[in-house]
Amino acid sequence: MTSTDAPAHTFAAPDLSDAALAEVTAQVAEYAGDYDRSGDLPWPGINAAHRAGLLTATVGRQYGGPGAGPRETARILTALGAGDASVGLIAANLLITHAGQAAHPTWPAAYYDDLLRRSLDGPALANAIRAEPELGAPARGGLPKTTATRTAGGWVLNGRKAYATGGTGLAYHVVWAVADEPGGDPQRPRVGHVIVPGDLPGIEWIDTWDHLGLRASNTHDVTYTDVPVPADAFVEIPRGPDGVYRDPAAAAGPGSFGHPALYIGVARAARSAFAAFARERVPAALGRPIAQTERIQAVAGEIDLQVVQAETLLHGALLRVEAGDTSILPELSAIKVAIARSVIAATQAAVAALGNPGLSRHQPLERYLRDALCIRVHPPQEDAVLLASGRRILGV
């Protein structure tokens, strides 16, 4: 598409008022408990997000979309995470994909047009599929075993990936791979992502996801066996000026704050569930709601402090980036860690204060705690961030 072409599709800007987002949260939350138990893809919640226009909010204006920025995206994902963290994670991966294409168009034109066309009729999911069973998270370093082998007409993809969120619900996979091509340097091959339609032959899902939290996210393993894609489906990730490949996920950027945002939604939901239980619980020995005791009031205050702290860190950082304050860029990874600590502290405080009811599956708090703990797995992870920050501060 050239700058003079009219977009082939049009996506209306969603209503991001507090009231509208709260309504979507309630619709998504209605199904969260059932899908947490079954482990099936939470299509009712995903469909609710689609109907509200939230899943296409970051489609670029050049493609007929609203072009939502990082702060608007964060508000969307906080609302979805408050309803169901699995829906929030699936949505985060899709919104990040659309935002990336808007900023740096790399997809084959026909593939991206197909993704947008499908998005007019219903949720059309896409996700970057990067981790591998042996390697683990790419942000830790190393190259994938998954290969894209050059052919006369394009590429053939082979390999096995782990933690592929969205599972069989994905319309498109963005697969991290190395190029196996004539004339390539086997010691320093090209590295990139392969854009793959999810319905191609040779793609097989392996039901490996049996996790503490995010149980409905369908984050299974997937194998690719001689999957054919066209020549422009391989998108290279450039090496650094020194010729060394560094994974983009090794450090946080403004576009990577969607994941923390959804977990802030989980902490918000825990705060609301704690307050509702405290207002309704009247022990016989007390004769009044536990919400009227100073002990519970202090815990509620601690939970609120942690949620407020996380939200302020998130939006404060993004506001500084929007204002052009580049001095914050080296600090973004540490800010993500601080948000994670606050989210977990808030949910743990709520569960700990209520004893058995907080741990019972008859209450949603135990699910919020399980989901909140998953914030730690998103790169860059805490130990790597602290090490990098320490070295930066010490100048070593």
Protein backbone atom coordinates (compact mmCIF):
# COMPACT_ATOMS: atom_id res chain seq x y z
CA MET A 1 0.00 0.00 0.00
CA THR A 2 1.38 3.43 -0.92
CA SER A 3 0.84 6.66 0.98
CA THR A 4 -1.87 7.69 -1.54
CA ASP A 5 -3.88 4.47 -1.33
CA ALA A 6 -7.06 4.45 0.74
CA PRO A 7 -7.11 1.74 3.44
CA ALA A 8 -8.90 -1.40 2.34
CA HIS A 9 -10.56 -1.79 5.76
CA THR A 10 -11.91 0.54 8.44
CA PHE A 11 -11.87 -0.10 12.19
CA ALA A 12 -13.71 2.32 14.46
CA ALA A 13 -11.97 3.71 17.52
CA PRO A 14 -13.26 1.91 20.62
CA ASP A 15 -14.97 3.68 23.49
CA LEU A 16 -12.25 3.91 26.15
CA SER A 17 -14.30 5.73 28.77
CA ASP A 18 -14.11 4.27 32.25
CA ALA A 19 -17.75 3.17 32.05
CA ALA A 20 -17.31 1.39 28.71
CA LEU A 21 -14.16 -0.41 29.83
CA ALA A 22 -15.85 -1.44 33.09
CA GLU A 23 -18.70 -2.98 31.09
CA VAL A 24 -16.26 -5.04 29.01
CA THR A 25 -14.46 -6.12 32.19
CA ALA A 26 -17.74 -7.42 33.60
CA GLN A 27 -18.58 -9.29 30.39
CA VAL A 28 -15.14 -10.93 30.28
CA ALA A 29 -15.21 -11.79 34.00
CA GLU A 30 -18.50 -13.61 33.64
CA TYR A 31 -16.77 -16.57 31.97
CA ALA A 32 -13.32 -16.44 33.55
CA GLY A 33 -13.83 -18.98 36.33
CA ASP A 34 -15.34 -21.63 34.06
CA TYR A 35 -12.55 -21.38 31.49
CA ASP A 36 -9.89 -21.38 34.19
CA ARG A 37 -11.27 -24.79 35.21
CA SER A 38 -11.66 -26.23 31.70
CA GLY A 39 -8.47 -24.80 30.18
CA ASP A 40 -10.31 -24.17 26.91
CA LEU A 41 -9.75 -20.98 24.96
CA PRO A 42 -12.00 -18.32 26.53
CA TRP A 43 -13.83 -17.41 23.33
CA PRO A 44 -16.77 -15.68 25.07
CA GLY A 45 -14.37 -13.22 26.71
CA ILE A 46 -12.33 -12.81 23.53
CA ASN A 47 -15.53 -12.14 21.59
CA ALA A 48 -16.60 -9.53 24.12
CA ALA A 49 -13.30 -7.73 23.65
CA HIS A 50 -13.72 -7.94 19.87
CA ARG A 51 -17.27 -6.54 19.93
CA ALA A 52 -15.99 -3.55 21.89
CA GLY A 53 -13.33 -2.90 19.24
CA LEU A 54 -10.50 -3.47 21.69
CA LEU A 55 -8.67 -6.17 19.73
CA THR A 56 -8.07 -3.88 16.73
CA ALA A 57 -7.35 -0.69 18.68
CA THR A 58 -3.67 -0.65 17.69
CA VAL A 59 -4.21 -1.26 13.97
CA GLY A 60 -2.29 1.58 12.30
CA ARG A 61 -4.07 4.54 10.76
CA GLN A 62 -2.46 3.72 7.43
CA TYR A 63 -4.43 0.46 7.54
CA GLY A 64 -7.72 2.11 8.53
CA GLY A 65 -7.34 1.52 12.27
CA PRO A 66 -7.51 3.79 15.32
CA GLY A 67 -3.73 3.69 15.91
CA ALA A 68 -3.98 3.53 19.73
CA GLY A 69 -0.75 4.36 21.53
CA PRO A 70 0.94 2.68 24.52
CA ARG A 71 -1.14 4.42 27.23
CA GLU A 72 -4.45 3.67 25.52
CA THR A 73 -3.29 0.09 25.02
CA ALA A 74 -2.37 -0.15 28.70
CA ARG A 75 -5.86 0.98 29.74
CA ILE A 76 -7.45 -1.60 27.44
CA LEU A 77 -5.31 -4.41 28.79
CA THR A 78 -5.83 -3.43 32.41
CA ALA A 79 -9.58 -3.64 31.81
CA LEU A 80 -9.31 -7.05 30.12
CA GLY A 81 -6.87 -8.37 32.73
CA ALA A 82 -9.31 -7.40 35.47
CA GLY A 83 -11.90 -9.62 33.79
CA ASP A 84 -9.71 -12.57 32.79
CA ALA A 85 -5.92 -12.60 32.68
CA SER A 86 -5.95 -15.23 29.92
CA VAL A 87 -8.07 -13.00 27.69
CA GLY A 88 -5.77 -10.11 28.61
CA LEU A 89 -2.65 -12.04 27.61
CA ILE A 90 -4.11 -13.18 24.28
CA ALA A 91 -5.23 -9.59 23.57
CA ALA A 92 -1.86 -8.14 24.61
CA ASN A 93 -0.01 -10.33 22.14
CA LEU A 94 -2.39 -9.35 19.33
CA LEU A 95 -2.30 -5.62 20.12
CA ILE A 96 1.50 -5.70 20.26
CA THR A 97 1.53 -7.40 16.85
CA HIS A 98 -0.70 -4.74 15.27
CA ALA A 99 1.29 -1.92 16.89
CA GLY A 100 4.54 -3.39 15.60
CA GLN A 101 3.18 -3.61 12.06
CA ALA A 102 1.94 -0.01 12.26
CA ALA A 103 5.35 1.27 13.35
CA HIS A 104 7.54 -0.96 11.15
CA PRO A 105 5.59 -2.69 8.35
CA THR A 106 7.21 -6.07 7.74
CA TRP A 107 4.39 -8.55 7.07
CA PRO A 108 3.70 -9.80 3.54
CA ALA A 109 0.98 -7.47 2.28
CA ALA A 110 -1.41 -10.29 1.45
CA TYR A 111 -1.03 -11.88 4.89
CA TYR A 112 -1.64 -8.68 6.83
CA ASP A 113 -4.59 -7.78 4.64
CA ASP A 114 -6.03 -11.23 5.36
CA LEU A 115 -5.56 -10.73 9.13
CA LEU A 116 -7.39 -7.40 8.93
CA ARG A 117 -10.16 -8.80 6.74
CA ARG A 118 -10.76 -11.60 9.23
CA SER A 119 -10.78 -9.06 12.06
CA LEU A 120 -13.85 -7.38 10.56
CA ASP A 121 -15.94 -10.50 11.14
CA GLY A 122 -14.56 -11.77 14.44
CA PRO A 123 -11.41 -12.13 16.54
CA ALA A 124 -8.37 -12.86 14.35
CA LEU A 125 -5.53 -13.69 16.72
CA ALA A 126 -1.79 -13.44 16.14
CA ASN A 127 1.20 -13.97 18.40
CA ALA A 128 4.99 -14.09 18.35
CA ILE A 129 6.04 -17.73 18.97
CA ARG A 130 9.60 -17.68 20.20
CA ALA A 131 10.52 -19.95 23.13
CA GLU A 132 11.83 -23.47 22.56
CA PRO A 133 11.90 -26.53 24.86
CA GLU A 134 15.70 -26.76 25.00
CA LEU A 135 16.60 -23.08 24.76
CA GLY A 136 13.93 -21.56 26.96
CA ALA A 137 13.28 -17.83 26.72
CA PRO A 138 15.09 -16.08 23.83
CA ALA A 139 15.87 -13.08 26.03
CA ARG A 140 18.40 -15.24 27.88
CA GLY A 141 20.54 -15.47 24.76
CA GLY A 142 21.26 -18.10 22.15
CA LEU A 143 19.75 -18.89 18.77
CA PRO A 144 16.73 -21.02 17.93
CA LYS A 145 16.89 -24.52 16.52
CA THR A 146 13.86 -23.71 14.39
CA THR A 147 14.98 -23.15 10.81
CA ALA A 148 13.60 -21.46 7.72
CA THR A 149 15.21 -23.20 4.74
CA ARG A 150 15.37 -21.29 1.48
CA THR A 151 13.63 -22.87 -1.49
CA ALA A 152 13.11 -21.80 -5.07
CA GLY A 153 9.74 -20.30 -4.20
CA GLY A 154 10.21 -19.12 -0.63
CA TRP A 155 10.97 -20.86 2.66
CA VAL A 156 10.19 -24.12 4.46
CA LEU A 157 9.84 -23.94 8.25
CA ASN A 158 10.86 -26.77 10.62
CA GLY A 159 11.12 -26.84 14.40
CA ARG A 160 9.35 -27.09 17.75
CA LYS A 161 8.26 -24.14 19.87
CA ALA A 162 7.12 -23.90 23.50
CA TYR A 163 4.71 -21.58 25.30
CA ALA A 164 2.79 -20.57 22.16
CA THR A 165 -0.05 -18.58 23.72
CA GLY A 166 -3.31 -18.70 21.80
CA GLY A 167 -2.89 -22.27 20.60
CA THR A 168 -5.18 -23.43 17.85
CA GLY A 169 -7.03 -20.12 18.06
CA LEU A 170 -4.20 -18.29 16.30
CA ALA A 171 -4.89 -17.05 12.78
CA TYR A 172 -1.20 -16.20 12.33
CA HIS A 173 2.06 -17.26 13.99
CA VAL A 174 5.14 -15.03 14.06
CA VAL A 175 7.84 -17.67 14.47
CA TRP A 176 11.42 -16.94 15.61
CA ALA A 177 13.85 -18.87 13.40
CA VAL A 178 17.29 -18.86 11.79
CA ALA A 179 17.72 -18.76 8.02
CA ASP A 180 19.21 -21.79 6.30
CA GLU A 181 20.08 -20.40 2.90
CA PRO A 182 22.69 -20.70 0.14
CA GLY A 183 25.67 -18.49 0.82
CA GLY A 184 24.70 -17.95 4.44
CA ASP A 185 27.28 -18.03 7.23
CA PRO A 186 26.48 -21.14 9.34
CA GLN A 187 28.36 -19.61 12.29
CA ARG A 188 26.38 -16.36 12.11
CA PRO A 189 23.13 -17.07 10.26
CA ARG A 190 20.46 -14.48 9.70
CA VAL A 191 17.87 -14.45 12.49
CA GLY A 192 14.29 -13.33 12.13
CA HIS A 193 10.59 -14.03 12.35
CA VAL A 194 8.59 -16.06 9.86
CA ILE A 195 4.97 -14.99 9.32
CA VAL A 196 2.91 -18.20 9.12
CA PRO A 197 -0.85 -18.65 8.58
CA GLY A 198 -2.15 -20.87 11.36
CA ASP A 199 -4.07 -23.22 9.05
CA LEU A 200 -1.15 -24.37 6.89
CA PRO A 201 -0.35 -28.10 6.66
CA GLY A 202 2.54 -29.27 8.78
CA ILE A 203 1.51 -27.40 11.96
CA GLU A 204 0.76 -29.68 14.90
CA TRP A 205 -0.19 -28.68 18.44
CA ILE A 206 0.99 -30.61 21.52
CA ASP A 207 -1.12 -30.14 24.65
CA THR A 208 1.61 -29.34 27.16
CA TRP A 209 0.03 -26.39 29.00
CA ASP A 210 -0.90 -27.42 32.56
CA HIS A 211 0.06 -24.32 34.49
CA LEU A 212 -0.48 -22.67 37.84
CA GLY A 213 -2.04 -19.57 36.28
CA LEU A 214 -3.36 -18.28 32.96
CA ARG A 215 -4.82 -21.73 32.49
CA ALA A 216 -7.17 -20.67 29.67
CA SER A 217 -4.42 -19.04 27.61
CA ASN A 218 -3.73 -22.25 25.63
CA THR A 219 0.03 -21.73 25.83
CA HIS A 220 0.87 -25.10 24.31
CA ASP A 221 3.86 -26.43 22.34
CA VAL A 222 3.68 -26.46 18.55
CA THR A 223 5.73 -28.19 15.85
CA TYR A 224 6.34 -27.12 12.26
CA THR A 225 7.16 -29.81 9.71
CA ASP A 226 8.03 -28.61 6.21
CA VAL A 227 5.62 -25.68 6.43
CA PRO A 228 5.88 -23.63 3.21
CA VAL A 229 5.75 -19.82 3.20
CA PRO A 230 6.55 -17.22 0.51
CA ALA A 231 9.89 -15.43 0.20
CA ASP A 232 8.72 -12.22 1.90
CA ALA A 233 7.44 -14.12 4.97
CA PHE A 234 10.92 -14.09 6.56
CA VAL A 235 11.58 -10.81 8.41
CA GLU A 236 15.19 -10.41 9.51
CA ILE A 237 16.15 -9.03 12.92
CA PRO A 238 19.35 -7.00 12.36
CA ARG A 239 22.46 -7.71 14.38
CA GLY A 240 24.12 -4.93 16.34
CA PRO A 241 26.90 -2.72 14.95
CA ASP A 242 29.40 -5.19 16.43
CA GLY A 243 27.83 -8.03 14.47
CA VAL A 244 26.38 -9.68 17.59
CA TYR A 245 22.73 -10.75 17.71
CA ARG A 246 20.85 -9.43 20.74
CA ASP A 247 17.29 -10.47 21.29
CA PRO A 248 14.84 -7.52 21.25
CA ALA A 249 13.09 -8.85 24.38
CA ALA A 250 16.27 -8.65 26.47
CA ALA A 251 15.35 -5.11 27.53
CA ALA A 252 11.97 -3.46 28.00
CA GLY A 253 10.72 -0.75 25.67
CA PRO A 254 7.56 1.40 25.68
CA GLY A 255 5.74 -1.17 23.57
CA SER A 256 6.37 -3.95 26.06
CA PHE A 257 4.27 -2.48 28.87
CA GLY A 258 1.10 -4.20 27.69
CA HIS A 259 1.88 -7.32 29.71
CA PRO A 260 2.39 -5.49 33.02
CA ALA A 261 -0.81 -3.54 32.33
CA LEU A 262 -2.96 -6.67 32.18
CA TYR A 263 -1.58 -7.88 35.52
CA ILE A 264 -2.40 -4.53 37.09
CA GLY A 265 -5.94 -5.44 36.06
CA VAL A 266 -5.58 -8.69 38.00
CA ALA A 267 -4.48 -6.74 41.07
CA ARG A 268 -7.46 -4.41 40.67
CA ALA A 269 -9.78 -7.40 40.54
CA ALA A 270 -8.18 -8.81 43.70
CA ARG A 271 -8.71 -5.47 45.44
CA SER A 272 -12.41 -5.49 44.47
CA ALA A 273 -12.91 -9.12 45.48
CA PHE A 274 -11.25 -8.53 48.85
CA ALA A 275 -13.47 -5.51 49.54
CA ALA A 276 -16.64 -7.36 48.53
CA PHE A 277 -15.85 -10.33 50.76
CA ALA A 278 -14.94 -8.08 53.70
CA ARG A 279 -18.22 -6.19 53.45
CA GLU A 280 -20.26 -9.40 53.34
CA ARG A 281 -18.41 -11.56 55.87
CA VAL A 282 -19.99 -11.36 59.35
CA PRO A 283 -18.39 -13.87 61.79
CA ALA A 284 -20.73 -14.93 64.60
CA ALA A 285 -18.17 -13.99 67.25
CA LEU A 286 -17.79 -10.49 65.79
CA GLY A 287 -21.39 -9.68 64.93
CA ARG A 288 -20.49 -7.19 62.22
CA PRO A 289 -18.75 -7.22 58.82
CA ILE A 290 -15.00 -7.71 59.03
CA ALA A 291 -14.71 -4.60 56.85
CA GLN A 292 -15.42 -2.61 60.00
CA THR A 293 -12.30 -3.87 61.78
CA GLU A 294 -9.08 -1.90 61.73
CA ARG A 295 -7.12 -5.02 60.80
CA ILE A 296 -9.02 -5.52 57.54
CA GLN A 297 -9.07 -1.79 56.85
CA ALA A 298 -5.28 -1.69 57.13
CA VAL A 299 -4.93 -4.64 54.76
CA ALA A 300 -7.28 -2.95 52.28
CA GLY A 301 -5.09 0.13 52.51
CA GLU A 302 -1.96 -1.93 51.81
CA ILE A 303 -3.59 -3.57 48.77
CA ASP A 304 -4.65 -0.17 47.47
CA LEU A 305 -1.17 1.26 48.01
CA GLN A 306 0.36 -1.50 45.88
CA VAL A 307 -2.20 -1.10 43.08
CA VAL A 308 -1.81 2.68 43.04
CA GLN A 309 1.97 2.31 43.01
CA ALA A 310 1.88 -0.08 40.05
CA GLU A 311 -0.50 2.11 38.05
CA THR A 312 1.53 5.24 38.75
CA LEU A 313 4.74 3.55 37.66
CA LEU A 314 3.13 2.28 34.46
CA HIS A 315 1.44 5.47 33.31
CA GLY A 316 4.14 7.76 34.67
CA ALA A 317 6.78 5.92 32.64
CA LEU A 318 4.68 6.03 29.48
CA LEU A 319 3.94 9.72 29.94
CA ARG A 320 7.66 10.46 30.21
CA VAL A 321 8.29 8.49 27.03
CA GLU A 322 5.49 10.37 25.25
CA ALA A 323 7.09 13.64 26.36
CA GLY A 324 10.36 12.62 24.74
CA ASP A 325 12.27 12.00 27.97
CA THR A 326 14.88 9.54 26.72
CA SER A 327 16.61 9.40 30.10
CA ILE A 328 13.97 6.93 31.28
CA LEU A 329 14.67 4.35 28.57
CA PRO A 330 17.44 2.51 30.48
CA GLU A 331 15.12 2.36 33.50
CA LEU A 332 12.10 0.76 31.80
CA SER A 333 13.14 -2.80 32.60
CA ALA A 334 13.51 -1.94 36.30
CA ILE A 335 10.10 -0.25 36.24
CA LYS A 336 8.56 -3.45 34.88
CA VAL A 337 10.10 -5.39 37.78
CA ALA A 338 8.76 -2.87 40.29
CA ILE A 339 5.28 -3.17 38.80
CA ALA A 340 5.49 -6.96 39.05
CA ARG A 341 6.45 -6.76 42.71
CA SER A 342 3.50 -4.49 43.47
CA VAL A 343 1.01 -6.67 41.60
CA ILE A 344 2.11 -9.79 43.46
CA ALA A 345 2.24 -7.98 46.82
CA ALA A 346 -1.33 -6.72 46.36
CA THR A 347 -2.79 -10.13 45.54
CA GLN A 348 -0.78 -11.94 48.20
CA ALA A 349 -1.93 -9.48 50.86
CA ALA A 350 -5.57 -10.06 49.91
CA VAL A 351 -5.29 -13.85 50.02
CA ALA A 352 -3.20 -13.97 53.21
CA ALA A 353 -5.61 -11.81 55.18
CA LEU A 354 -8.65 -13.98 54.48
CA GLY A 355 -7.21 -17.39 55.36
CA ASN A 356 -9.16 -20.36 53.99
CA PRO A 357 -11.68 -18.28 51.98
CA GLY A 358 -8.80 -16.64 50.16
CA LEU A 359 -7.47 -20.02 49.08
CA SER A 360 -10.83 -21.56 48.19
CA ARG A 361 -11.87 -22.03 44.58
CA HIS A 362 -15.32 -20.88 45.66
CA GLN A 363 -13.78 -17.40 45.70
CA PRO A 364 -11.91 -15.75 42.78
CA LEU A 365 -8.99 -14.53 44.90
CA GLU A 366 -6.96 -17.72 44.57
CA ARG A 367 -7.23 -17.45 40.77
CA TYR A 368 -6.09 -13.84 40.89
CA LEU A 369 -3.05 -14.86 42.92
CA ARG A 370 -2.20 -17.70 40.53
CA ASP A 371 -2.54 -15.40 37.53
CA ALA A 372 -0.58 -12.58 39.17
CA LEU A 373 2.40 -14.84 39.82
CA CYS A 374 2.74 -15.34 36.05
CA ILE A 375 3.88 -11.73 35.61
CA ARG A 376 7.37 -12.89 36.59
CA VAL A 377 7.86 -15.01 33.48
CA HIS A 378 7.61 -12.18 30.97
CA PRO A 379 11.02 -10.95 29.80
CA PRO A 380 13.14 -9.30 30.85
CA GLN A 381 12.99 -11.25 34.10
CA GLU A 382 13.91 -9.91 37.51
CA ASP A 383 17.34 -11.45 38.00
CA ALA A 384 18.52 -10.34 34.56
CA VAL A 385 17.12 -6.84 35.10
CA LEU A 386 18.78 -6.40 38.50
CA LEU A 387 22.11 -7.60 37.13
CA ALA A 388 21.96 -5.26 34.12
CA SER A 389 20.84 -2.31 36.27
CA GLY A 390 23.57 -2.97 38.81
CA ARG A 391 26.24 -3.09 36.13
CA ARG A 392 24.91 0.14 34.61
CA ILE A 393 24.95 1.94 37.96
CA LEU A 394 28.42 0.61 38.86
CA GLY A 395 29.85 1.23 35.42
CA VAL A 396 31.16 -2.33 35.02
